[in-house]
C-alpha atoms as a PDB file:
ATOM      1  CA  UNK A   1      29.973-106.282 170.998  1.00  0.00           C
ATOM      2  CA  UNK A   2      28.306-108.661 173.397  1.00  0.00           C
ATOM      3  CA  UNK A   3      25.077-108.057 175.314  1.00  0.00           C
ATOM      4  CA  UNK A   4      22.831-110.108 177.564  1.00  0.00           C
ATOM      5  CA  UNK A   5      19.164-110.358 176.677  1.00  0.00           C
ATOM      6  CA  UNK A   6      18.189-108.474 179.833  1.00  0.00           C
ATOM      7  CA  UNK A   7      20.479-105.574 178.853  1.00  0.00           C
ATOM      8  CA  UNK A   8      18.889-105.422 175.406  1.00  0.00           C
ATOM      9  CA  UNK A   9      15.297-105.668 176.681  1.00  0.00           C
ATOM     10  CA  UNK A  10      15.819-102.364 178.500  1.00  0.00           C
ATOM     11  CA  UNK A  11      16.001-100.767 175.051  1.00  0.00           C
ATOM     12  CA  UNK A  12      12.794-102.318 173.720  1.00  0.00           C
ATOM     13  CA  UNK A  13      10.951 -99.693 171.636  1.00  0.00           C
ATOM     14  CA  UNK A  14      13.765 -97.213 172.321  1.00  0.00           C
ATOM     15  CA  UNK A  15      16.867 -96.180 170.392  1.00  0.00           C
ATOM     16  CA  UNK A  16      19.760 -98.585 170.826  1.00  0.00           C
ATOM     17  CA  UNK A  17      22.642 -96.886 169.042  1.00  0.00           C
ATOM     18  CA  UNK A  18      25.954 -98.584 168.349  1.00  0.00           C
ATOM     19  CA  UNK A  19      29.193 -96.651 167.847  1.00  0.00           C
ATOM     20  CA  UNK A  20      32.253 -98.699 168.692  1.00  0.00           C
ATOM     21  CA  UNK A  21      35.742 -99.453 167.427  1.00  0.00           C
ATOM     22  CA  UNK A  22      36.841-103.066 167.732  1.00  0.00           C
ATOM     23  CA  UNK A  23      39.894-105.192 166.931  1.00  0.00           C
ATOM     24  CA  UNK A  24      39.311-108.298 164.810  1.00  0.00           C
ATOM     25  CA  UNK A  25      42.902-109.548 164.575  1.00  0.00           C
ATOM     26  CA  UNK A  26      41.879-113.204 164.954  1.00  0.00           C
ATOM     27  CA  UNK A  27      40.670-113.366 161.322  1.00  0.00           C
ATOM     28  CA  UNK A  28      44.363-113.419 160.328  1.00  0.00           C
ATOM     29  CA  UNK A  29      44.509-116.926 161.827  1.00  0.00           C
ATOM     30  CA  UNK A  30      41.455-117.950 159.779  1.00  0.00           C
ATOM     31  CA  UNK A  31      42.689-116.495 156.469  1.00  0.00           C
ATOM     32  CA  UNK A  32      46.499-116.366 156.254  1.00  0.00           C
ATOM     33  CA  UNK A  33      46.370-114.157 153.147  1.00  0.00           C
ATOM     34  CA  UNK A  34      45.271-111.261 155.374  1.00  0.00           C
ATOM     35  CA  UNK A  35      48.429-109.540 156.570  1.00  0.00           C
ATOM     36  CA  UNK A  36      46.912-106.851 158.770  1.00  0.00           C
ATOM     37  CA  UNK A  37      43.514-105.725 160.005  1.00  0.00           C
ATOM     38  CA  UNK A  38      42.796-102.154 161.010  1.00  0.00           C
ATOM     39  CA  UNK A  39      40.528-101.413 163.955  1.00  0.00           C
ATOM     40  CA  UNK A  40      36.984-101.677 162.574  1.00  0.00           C
ATOM     41  CA  UNK A  41      34.566 -98.832 163.277  1.00  0.00           C
ATOM     42  CA  UNK A  42      31.077-100.228 163.822  1.00  0.00           C
ATOM     43  CA  UNK A  43      28.105 -97.870 163.743  1.00  0.00           C
ATOM     44  CA  UNK A  44      24.385 -98.513 163.550  1.00  0.00           C
ATOM     45  CA  UNK A  45      21.405 -99.323 165.656  1.00  0.00           C
ATOM     46  CA  UNK A  46      19.558-102.231 167.172  1.00  0.00           C
ATOM     47  CA  UNK A  47      15.806-102.794 166.965  1.00  0.00           C
ATOM     48  CA  UNK A  48      14.616-104.877 169.894  1.00  0.00           C
ATOM     49  CA  UNK A  49      11.211-106.488 170.305  1.00  0.00           C
ATOM     50  CA  UNK A  50       9.855-109.502 172.178  1.00  0.00           C
ATOM     51  CA  UNK A  51      10.788-112.123 169.546  1.00  0.00           C
ATOM     52  CA  UNK A  52      13.877-110.798 167.791  1.00  0.00           C
ATOM     53  CA  UNK A  53      16.750-108.332 167.824  1.00  0.00           C
ATOM     54  CA  UNK A  54      17.752-106.775 164.504  1.00  0.00           C
ATOM     55  CA  UNK A  55      21.047-104.954 164.101  1.00  0.00           C
ATOM     56  CA  UNK A  56      21.578-102.491 161.239  1.00  0.00           C
ATOM     57  CA  UNK A  57      25.350-102.099 161.050  1.00  0.00           C
ATOM     58  CA  UNK A  58      27.951-100.237 159.036  1.00  0.00           C
ATOM     59  CA  UNK A  59      31.492-101.644 159.229  1.00  0.00           C
ATOM     60  CA  UNK A  60      34.392 -99.428 158.177  1.00  0.00           C
ATOM     61  CA  UNK A  61      38.134-100.069 158.171  1.00  0.00           C
ATOM     62  CA  UNK A  62      40.693-101.723 155.930  1.00  0.00           C
ATOM     63  CA  UNK A  63      42.561-104.958 155.378  1.00  0.00           C
ATOM     64  CA  UNK A  64      46.135-105.354 154.141  1.00  0.00           C
ATOM     65  CA  UNK A  65      46.359-108.124 151.530  1.00  0.00           C
ATOM     66  CA  UNK A  66      49.171-109.227 149.210  1.00  0.00           C
ATOM     67  CA  UNK A  67      49.085-108.193 145.546  1.00  0.00           C
ATOM     68  CA  UNK A  68      48.384-111.274 143.409  1.00  0.00           C
ATOM     69  CA  UNK A  69      51.216-110.410 141.003  1.00  0.00           C
ATOM     70  CA  UNK A  70      53.927-109.002 143.259  1.00  0.00           C
ATOM     71  CA  UNK A  71      53.026-109.796 146.885  1.00  0.00           C
ATOM     72  CA  UNK A  72      53.290-106.054 147.679  1.00  0.00           C
ATOM     73  CA  UNK A  73      50.936-104.942 150.466  1.00  0.00           C
ATOM     74  CA  UNK A  74      47.627-103.621 149.143  1.00  0.00           C
ATOM     75  CA  UNK A  75      45.217-101.666 151.347  1.00  0.00           C
ATOM     76  CA  UNK A  76      41.658-102.917 150.768  1.00  0.00           C
ATOM     77  CA  UNK A  77      39.065-100.500 152.183  1.00  0.00           C
ATOM     78  CA  UNK A  78      36.106-102.091 153.957  1.00  0.00           C
ATOM     79  CA  UNK A  79      32.790-100.258 153.939  1.00  0.00           C
ATOM     80  CA  UNK A  80      29.942-102.722 154.479  1.00  0.00           C
ATOM     81  CA  UNK A  81      26.333-102.161 155.481  1.00  0.00           C
ATOM     82  CA  UNK A  82      24.488-105.195 156.783  1.00  0.00           C
ATOM     83  CA  UNK A  83      21.355-106.207 158.659  1.00  0.00           C
ATOM     84  CA  UNK A  84      21.612-109.129 161.077  1.00  0.00           C
ATOM     85  CA  UNK A  85      18.636-110.644 162.880  1.00  0.00           C
ATOM     86  CA  UNK A  86      18.796-112.738 166.045  1.00  0.00           C
ATOM     87  CA  UNK A  87      15.715-114.763 167.045  1.00  0.00           C
ATOM     88  CA  UNK A  88      15.119-114.909 170.776  1.00  0.00           C
ATOM     89  CA  UNK A  89      12.950-118.040 170.582  1.00  0.00           C
ATOM     90  CA  UNK A  90      12.849-120.900 168.132  1.00  0.00           C
ATOM     91  CA  UNK A  91       9.739-119.431 166.506  1.00  0.00           C
ATOM     92  CA  UNK A  92       9.039-119.426 162.805  1.00  0.00           C
ATOM     93  CA  UNK A  93      10.210-116.249 161.156  1.00  0.00           C
ATOM     94  CA  UNK A  94       9.465-115.877 157.444  1.00  0.00           C
ATOM     95  CA  UNK A  95      12.275-114.053 155.728  1.00  0.00           C
ATOM     96  CA  UNK A  96      14.762-114.520 152.946  1.00  0.00           C
ATOM     97  CA  UNK A  97      17.636-113.128 154.965  1.00  0.00           C
ATOM     98  CA  UNK A  98      19.791-115.242 157.218  1.00  0.00           C
ATOM     99  CA  UNK A  99      18.791-115.238 160.872  1.00  0.00           C
ATOM    100  CA  UNK A 100      20.642-116.448 163.950  1.00  0.00           C
ATOM    101  CA  UNK A 101      19.086-118.301 166.860  1.00  0.00           C
ATOM    102  CA  UNK A 102      20.222-117.030 170.250  1.00  0.00           C
ATOM    103  CA  UNK A 103      21.678-119.783 172.385  1.00  0.00           C
ATOM    104  CA  UNK A 104      21.778-118.955 176.068  1.00  0.00           C
ATOM    105  CA  UNK A 105      21.336-115.425 177.368  1.00  0.00           C
ATOM    106  CA  UNK A 106      23.982-113.565 175.318  1.00  0.00           C
ATOM    107  CA  UNK A 107      24.048-112.065 171.826  1.00  0.00           C
ATOM    108  CA  UNK A 108      27.601-111.833 170.517  1.00  0.00           C
ATOM    109  CA  UNK A 109      28.155-109.912 167.267  1.00  0.00           C
ATOM    110  CA  UNK A 110      31.874-110.723 166.963  1.00  0.00           C
ATOM    111  CA  UNK A 111      31.477-114.053 165.069  1.00  0.00           C
ATOM    112  CA  UNK A 112      29.068-112.360 162.655  1.00  0.00           C
ATOM    113  CA  UNK A 113      31.454-109.434 162.068  1.00  0.00           C
ATOM    114  CA  UNK A 114      34.368-111.838 161.483  1.00  0.00           C
ATOM    115  CA  UNK A 115      32.279-113.753 158.938  1.00  0.00           C
ATOM    116  CA  UNK A 116      31.313-110.549 157.117  1.00  0.00           C
ATOM    117  CA  UNK A 117      34.945-109.424 156.926  1.00  0.00           C
ATOM    118  CA  UNK A 118      36.103-112.801 155.614  1.00  0.00           C
ATOM    119  CA  UNK A 119      33.446-112.633 152.902  1.00  0.00           C
ATOM    120  CA  UNK A 120      34.795-109.234 151.817  1.00  0.00           C
ATOM    121  CA  UNK A 121      38.238-110.639 150.957  1.00  0.00           C
ATOM    122  CA  UNK A 122      38.431-110.865 147.137  1.00  0.00           C
ATOM    123  CA  UNK A 123      39.991-113.769 145.242  1.00  0.00           C
ATOM    124  CA  UNK A 124      42.688-111.499 143.773  1.00  0.00           C
ATOM    125  CA  UNK A 125      43.974-108.054 144.685  1.00  0.00           C
ATOM    126  CA  UNK A 126      46.246-106.028 142.444  1.00  0.00           C
ATOM    127  CA  UNK A 127      48.570-103.171 143.333  1.00  0.00           C
ATOM    128  CA  UNK A 128      47.444-100.012 141.502  1.00  0.00           C
ATOM    129  CA  UNK A 129      50.764 -98.222 141.909  1.00  0.00           C
ATOM    130  CA  UNK A 130      52.860 -99.630 139.045  1.00  0.00           C
ATOM    131  CA  UNK A 131      55.667 -97.176 139.906  1.00  0.00           C
ATOM    132  CA  UNK A 132      56.088 -98.637 143.400  1.00  0.00           C
ATOM    133  CA  UNK A 133      59.621 -99.955 143.968  1.00  0.00           C
ATOM    134  CA  UNK A 134      58.383-103.490 144.718  1.00  0.00           C
ATOM    135  CA  UNK A 135      55.720-103.536 141.988  1.00  0.00           C
ATOM    136  CA  UNK A 136      55.924-105.997 139.125  1.00  0.00           C
ATOM    137  CA  UNK A 137      57.601-104.745 135.958  1.00  0.00           C
ATOM    138  CA  UNK A 138      55.139-103.713 133.255  1.00  0.00           C
ATOM    139  CA  UNK A 139      57.394-104.614 130.341  1.00  0.00           C
ATOM    140  CA  UNK A 140      60.593-106.435 129.530  1.00  0.00           C
ATOM    141  CA  UNK A 141      62.479-107.903 126.601  1.00  0.00           C
ATOM    142  CA  UNK A 142      59.879-108.807 123.940  1.00  0.00           C
ATOM    143  CA  UNK A 143      56.881-108.476 126.270  1.00  0.00           C
ATOM    144  CA  UNK A 144      54.626-105.943 127.990  1.00  0.00           C
ATOM    145  CA  UNK A 145      51.477-105.984 130.109  1.00  0.00           C
ATOM    146  CA  UNK A 146      48.473-105.371 127.862  1.00  0.00           C
ATOM    147  CA  UNK A 147      45.211-104.017 129.284  1.00  0.00           C
ATOM    148  CA  UNK A 148      41.819-104.908 127.800  1.00  0.00           C
ATOM    149  CA  UNK A 149      40.917-101.328 126.827  1.00  0.00           C
ATOM    150  CA  UNK A 150      44.221-100.935 124.934  1.00  0.00           C
ATOM    151  CA  UNK A 151      43.724-104.254 123.167  1.00  0.00           C
ATOM    152  CA  UNK A 152      40.209-103.434 121.915  1.00  0.00           C
ATOM    153  CA  UNK A 153      41.432-100.336 120.028  1.00  0.00           C
ATOM    154  CA  UNK A 154      44.208-102.136 118.150  1.00  0.00           C
ATOM    155  CA  UNK A 155      43.656-104.036 114.929  1.00  0.00           C
ATOM    156  CA  UNK A 156      45.577-107.266 114.594  1.00  0.00           C
ATOM    157  CA  UNK A 157      48.141-106.621 111.819  1.00  0.00           C
ATOM    158  CA  UNK A 158      47.469-110.078 110.365  1.00  0.00           C
ATOM    159  CA  UNK A 159      43.838-109.101 109.765  1.00  0.00           C
ATOM    160  CA  UNK A 160      44.406-105.520 108.557  1.00  0.00           C
ATOM    161  CA  UNK A 161      44.140-106.630 104.919  1.00  0.00           C
ATOM    162  CA  UNK A 162      40.817-108.298 105.640  1.00  0.00           C
ATOM    163  CA  UNK A 163      39.452-105.041 107.100  1.00  0.00           C
ATOM    164  CA  UNK A 164      40.402-103.253 103.859  1.00  0.00           C
ATOM    165  CA  UNK A 165      38.625-105.967 101.850  1.00  0.00           C
ATOM    166  CA  UNK A 166      35.337-105.316 103.646  1.00  0.00           C
ATOM    167  CA  UNK A 167      35.746-101.535 103.210  1.00  0.00           C
ATOM    168  CA  UNK A 168      36.122-102.043  99.434  1.00  0.00           C
ATOM    169  CA  UNK A 169      33.203-104.441  99.351  1.00  0.00           C
ATOM    170  CA  UNK A 170      30.897-101.993 101.220  1.00  0.00           C
ATOM    171  CA  UNK A 171      31.809 -99.043  98.967  1.00  0.00           C
ATOM    172  CA  UNK A 172      31.112-101.038  95.765  1.00  0.00           C
ATOM    173  CA  UNK A 173      27.702-102.264  97.021  1.00  0.00           C
ATOM    174  CA  UNK A 174      26.554 -98.753  97.907  1.00  0.00           C
ATOM    175  CA  UNK A 175      26.998 -97.416  94.373  1.00  0.00           C
END
């Protein structure tokens, strides 16, 4: 994923299609919570003109991360679309997106792809398969895991009498 400026200028005003599978194993050294990185499939195109090179990329693959509760391996799918712009000269370029200034005669997409993948790692990942042999128990003696949707349907037994009070009060005011 590295090209010289002279290689890219050959594709000025022509289609420059990208379809490559790369290994990005070095991000494991950057973020030790990443246990494994699949080969990433990069597709897209490059738009080349005299002042800038813009890459429209789609990155697909997966990362293996530990479950935040159980440390069981969780497969996190990666499916990212991004647009990256490289300026060929130090000219002013008005945009709200981040741009990169090309230093030397080579454009290297690998640092950008590593950065994008690191930004995709969530703060917490949870194993969906609660029946997995290494998954955390969902209940025990005098406790159980409660989900938000289950909790919203239940009425606190300490307040059940108060709910009846308001029902009586509403029925007497309507008559």
